[in-house]
Amino acid sequence: MPEKQPVVLSIAGFDPSSGAGITADIKTIAAHGCYGVTCITAMTVQSTSGVRRVEALDPALVTDTLQELASDVQIDAVRIGMLGSGRVAKAVADFLSGAKGKGGLTNIVLDPILRSSSGAELLDSSGAKILKDRLLPLCDVVTPNIEAVTSGFASGSGGSGAVAMPAMAPAAFARMRAEIWLMPEMSTTE
């Protein structure tokens, strides 16, 4: 009898050029022999040359999608990418808090996507605050890129006390019980 594939839930935006977001996650999940399920948080108008527009989805739709998936499959890992808005970030944090509190979700990875590599803002200030205050404490691994670290995301100061050097990232995230993997800038648009 074949072994059950681990199920990975990707919570992220949709990149129609497939360089980042849900479509890139599905390719990566499959390449590692896992089964991917997804919850789209935002739609983008973008190509390989950059992001032109971002529309966050209705938080109720995000919540309903997450609850439906969790009731249907045993989720073995979660990867959180672009959330698109504070309202969506809150919906994701509420879901994960409830699911983790019931002992249901583990192996949560947060990739704090604040801005695209082309410079487009992908999360508002209320969303960044929810990432810092509510999502980081729920995560087992955090994979910030240099921009997220130097923006003040790690400092808890909302940008006014930015981490001066990427080498300081582990100290800045020390208050979290998560493993930190500082990611190099990627050539993708998310």
Protein backbone atom coordinates (compact mmCIF):
# COMPACT_ATOMS: atom_id res chain seq x y z
CA MET A 1 0.00 0.00 0.00
CA PRO A 2 1.44 3.43 -0.94
CA GLU A 3 2.37 5.78 1.88
CA LYS A 4 0.10 8.81 2.38
CA GLN A 5 1.60 12.01 1.01
CA PRO A 6 2.04 14.76 3.62
CA VAL A 7 -0.44 17.60 3.06
CA VAL A 8 0.93 21.13 2.94
CA LEU A 9 -1.43 24.11 3.13
CA SER A 10 -0.18 27.21 1.32
CA ILE A 11 -1.83 30.48 2.37
CA ALA A 12 -0.64 33.09 -0.13
CA GLY A 13 -1.40 35.37 -3.03
CA PHE A 14 -1.92 34.37 -6.65
CA ASP A 15 0.83 35.29 -9.11
CA PRO A 16 -0.45 34.68 -12.66
CA SER A 17 3.13 34.52 -13.97
CA SER A 18 3.79 31.58 -11.58
CA GLY A 19 7.03 33.04 -10.27
CA ALA A 20 5.79 33.28 -6.69
CA GLY A 21 2.77 32.78 -4.46
CA ILE A 22 0.36 29.87 -4.61
CA THR A 23 1.46 28.61 -8.02
CA ALA A 24 5.15 28.52 -7.07
CA ASP A 25 4.26 26.89 -3.74
CA ILE A 26 2.28 24.11 -5.44
CA LYS A 27 5.22 23.35 -7.73
CA THR A 28 7.62 23.24 -4.77
CA ILE A 29 5.27 21.14 -2.63
CA ALA A 30 4.82 18.59 -5.45
CA ALA A 31 8.57 18.48 -6.13
CA HIS A 32 9.06 17.38 -2.52
CA GLY A 33 6.54 14.55 -2.81
CA CYS A 34 3.81 16.30 -0.84
CA TYR A 35 0.20 17.11 -1.65
CA GLY A 36 -0.63 20.82 -1.74
CA VAL A 37 -3.88 22.50 -0.78
CA THR A 38 -4.26 26.25 -1.02
CA CYS A 39 -6.03 29.30 0.27
CA ILE A 40 -5.63 32.35 -1.95
CA THR A 41 -5.40 35.60 0.01
CA ALA A 42 -5.01 38.11 -2.81
CA MET A 43 -5.11 38.36 -6.57
CA THR A 44 -2.41 40.25 -8.42
CA VAL A 45 -2.03 41.76 -11.84
CA GLN A 46 1.60 41.05 -12.57
CA SER A 47 4.07 39.55 -14.97
CA THR A 48 7.69 38.57 -14.75
CA SER A 49 8.57 42.28 -14.89
CA GLY A 50 6.60 43.36 -11.81
CA VAL A 51 3.39 43.78 -9.83
CA ARG A 52 0.90 46.31 -11.20
CA ARG A 53 -2.06 45.73 -8.87
CA VAL A 54 -3.00 43.78 -5.73
CA GLU A 55 -6.54 43.01 -4.57
CA ALA A 56 -6.92 41.25 -1.23
CA LEU A 57 -9.77 38.77 -1.07
CA ASP A 58 -12.70 39.08 1.31
CA PRO A 59 -11.55 37.82 4.75
CA ALA A 60 -14.77 35.79 5.12
CA LEU A 61 -13.89 33.88 1.95
CA VAL A 62 -10.39 33.21 3.31
CA THR A 63 -11.83 31.99 6.63
CA ASP A 64 -14.38 29.76 4.91
CA THR A 65 -11.68 28.26 2.66
CA LEU A 66 -9.35 27.54 5.58
CA GLN A 67 -12.12 25.95 7.65
CA GLU A 68 -13.30 23.83 4.72
CA LEU A 69 -9.80 22.53 4.01
CA ALA A 70 -9.09 21.81 7.69
CA SER A 71 -12.34 19.85 8.00
CA ASP A 72 -11.52 17.78 4.90
CA VAL A 73 -7.82 16.87 5.10
CA GLN A 74 -5.18 16.32 7.76
CA ILE A 75 -2.81 19.27 7.28
CA ASP A 76 0.79 18.34 8.08
CA ALA A 77 2.41 21.73 7.42
CA VAL A 78 1.41 25.31 6.66
CA ARG A 79 3.28 27.88 4.60
CA ILE A 80 2.11 31.51 4.91
CA GLY A 81 3.15 33.97 2.21
CA MET A 82 1.58 37.20 0.98
CA LEU A 83 -1.56 38.11 2.89
CA GLY A 84 -2.53 41.29 1.05
CA SER A 85 -4.26 43.22 3.85
CA GLY A 86 -4.65 43.56 7.58
CA ARG A 87 -8.16 42.15 7.41
CA VAL A 88 -6.92 39.00 5.67
CA ALA A 89 -3.96 38.74 8.07
CA LYS A 90 -6.42 38.86 10.98
CA ALA A 91 -8.58 36.12 9.42
CA VAL A 92 -5.51 33.88 8.98
CA ALA A 93 -4.27 34.61 12.51
CA ASP A 94 -7.72 33.85 13.96
CA PHE A 95 -7.90 30.54 12.08
CA LEU A 96 -4.37 29.44 12.99
CA SER A 97 -4.79 30.46 16.64
CA GLY A 98 -7.95 28.38 16.92
CA ALA A 99 -6.52 25.39 15.06
CA LYS A 100 -3.21 25.43 16.90
CA GLY A 101 -5.01 25.85 20.23
CA LYS A 102 -6.85 22.60 19.52
CA GLY A 103 -3.52 20.92 18.84
CA GLY A 104 -4.42 20.56 15.19
CA LEU A 105 -1.75 22.45 13.26
CA THR A 106 2.01 22.17 13.49
CA ASN A 107 4.95 22.91 11.23
CA ILE A 108 3.86 26.46 10.45
CA VAL A 109 6.25 28.45 8.26
CA LEU A 110 5.91 32.23 7.82
CA ASP A 111 7.49 34.03 4.90
CA PRO A 112 6.67 37.65 5.78
CA ILE A 113 5.94 39.16 2.35
CA LEU A 114 5.74 42.93 2.75
CA ARG A 115 6.81 44.20 -0.67
CA SER A 116 7.45 42.69 -4.08
CA SER A 117 10.94 42.64 -5.55
CA SER A 118 9.70 45.30 -8.00
CA GLY A 119 8.77 47.55 -5.05
CA ALA A 120 4.97 47.13 -4.89
CA GLU A 121 3.52 47.15 -1.36
CA LEU A 122 1.89 43.79 -0.67
CA LEU A 123 0.76 44.30 2.94
CA ASP A 124 -0.59 47.36 4.70
CA SER A 125 0.66 48.57 8.10
CA SER A 126 -2.16 46.89 10.02
CA GLY A 127 -1.27 43.61 8.33
CA ALA A 128 2.41 44.01 9.22
CA LYS A 129 1.41 44.59 12.86
CA ILE A 130 -0.71 41.42 12.87
CA LEU A 131 2.21 39.48 11.35
CA LYS A 132 4.48 40.64 14.17
CA ASP A 133 2.05 40.43 17.06
CA ARG A 134 -0.11 37.43 16.21
CA LEU A 135 1.36 35.27 13.46
CA LEU A 136 5.05 35.16 14.42
CA PRO A 137 4.35 33.59 17.82
CA LEU A 138 2.40 30.78 16.12
CA CYS A 139 5.18 29.85 13.71
CA ASP A 140 7.82 27.16 13.89
CA VAL A 141 10.01 28.61 11.12
CA VAL A 142 10.26 32.18 9.81
CA THR A 143 11.92 32.89 6.46
CA PRO A 144 12.21 36.68 6.15
CA ASN A 145 14.12 38.22 3.30
CA ILE A 146 16.55 41.05 3.94
CA GLU A 147 13.91 43.69 3.12
CA ALA A 148 11.56 42.33 5.80
CA VAL A 149 14.31 42.36 8.41
CA THR A 150 15.64 45.82 7.59
CA SER A 151 12.15 47.33 7.35
CA GLY A 152 11.73 47.09 11.11
CA PHE A 153 9.47 44.05 10.85
CA ALA A 154 11.72 42.12 13.22
CA SER A 155 12.10 44.89 15.75
CA GLY A 156 8.45 45.07 16.74
CA SER A 157 8.64 48.81 16.29
CA GLY A 158 6.51 49.17 13.20
CA GLY A 159 9.46 50.36 11.14
CA SER A 160 10.91 53.04 13.40
CA GLY A 161 13.55 50.79 14.95
CA ALA A 162 14.71 48.89 11.92
CA VAL A 163 17.34 46.23 12.28
CA ALA A 164 20.51 47.85 11.00
CA MET A 165 22.24 44.76 9.64
CA PRO A 166 20.89 41.46 8.29
CA ALA A 167 23.41 39.62 10.51
CA MET A 168 21.37 40.85 13.49
CA ALA A 169 18.22 39.07 12.29
CA PRO A 170 18.45 36.11 14.71
CA ALA A 171 18.72 38.47 17.70
CA ALA A 172 15.81 40.56 16.44
CA PHE A 173 13.64 37.45 16.21
CA ALA A 174 14.91 35.98 19.50
CA ARG A 175 11.62 36.72 21.28
CA MET A 176 9.92 34.30 18.91
CA ARG A 177 10.10 30.56 19.51
CA ALA A 178 10.65 30.01 15.81
CA GLU A 179 13.68 28.94 13.84
CA ILE A 180 14.85 31.77 11.58
CA TRP A 181 16.15 31.22 8.10
CA LEU A 182 17.25 34.53 6.54
CA MET A 183 16.41 34.25 2.87
CA PRO A 184 18.35 35.99 0.09
CA GLU A 185 16.41 38.26 -2.22
CA MET A 186 14.73 36.21 -4.90
CA SER A 187 14.26 37.11 -8.54
CA THR A 188 10.51 36.46 -8.37
CA THR A 189 7.93 39.21 -8.26
CA GLU A 190 6.22 38.31 -4.98
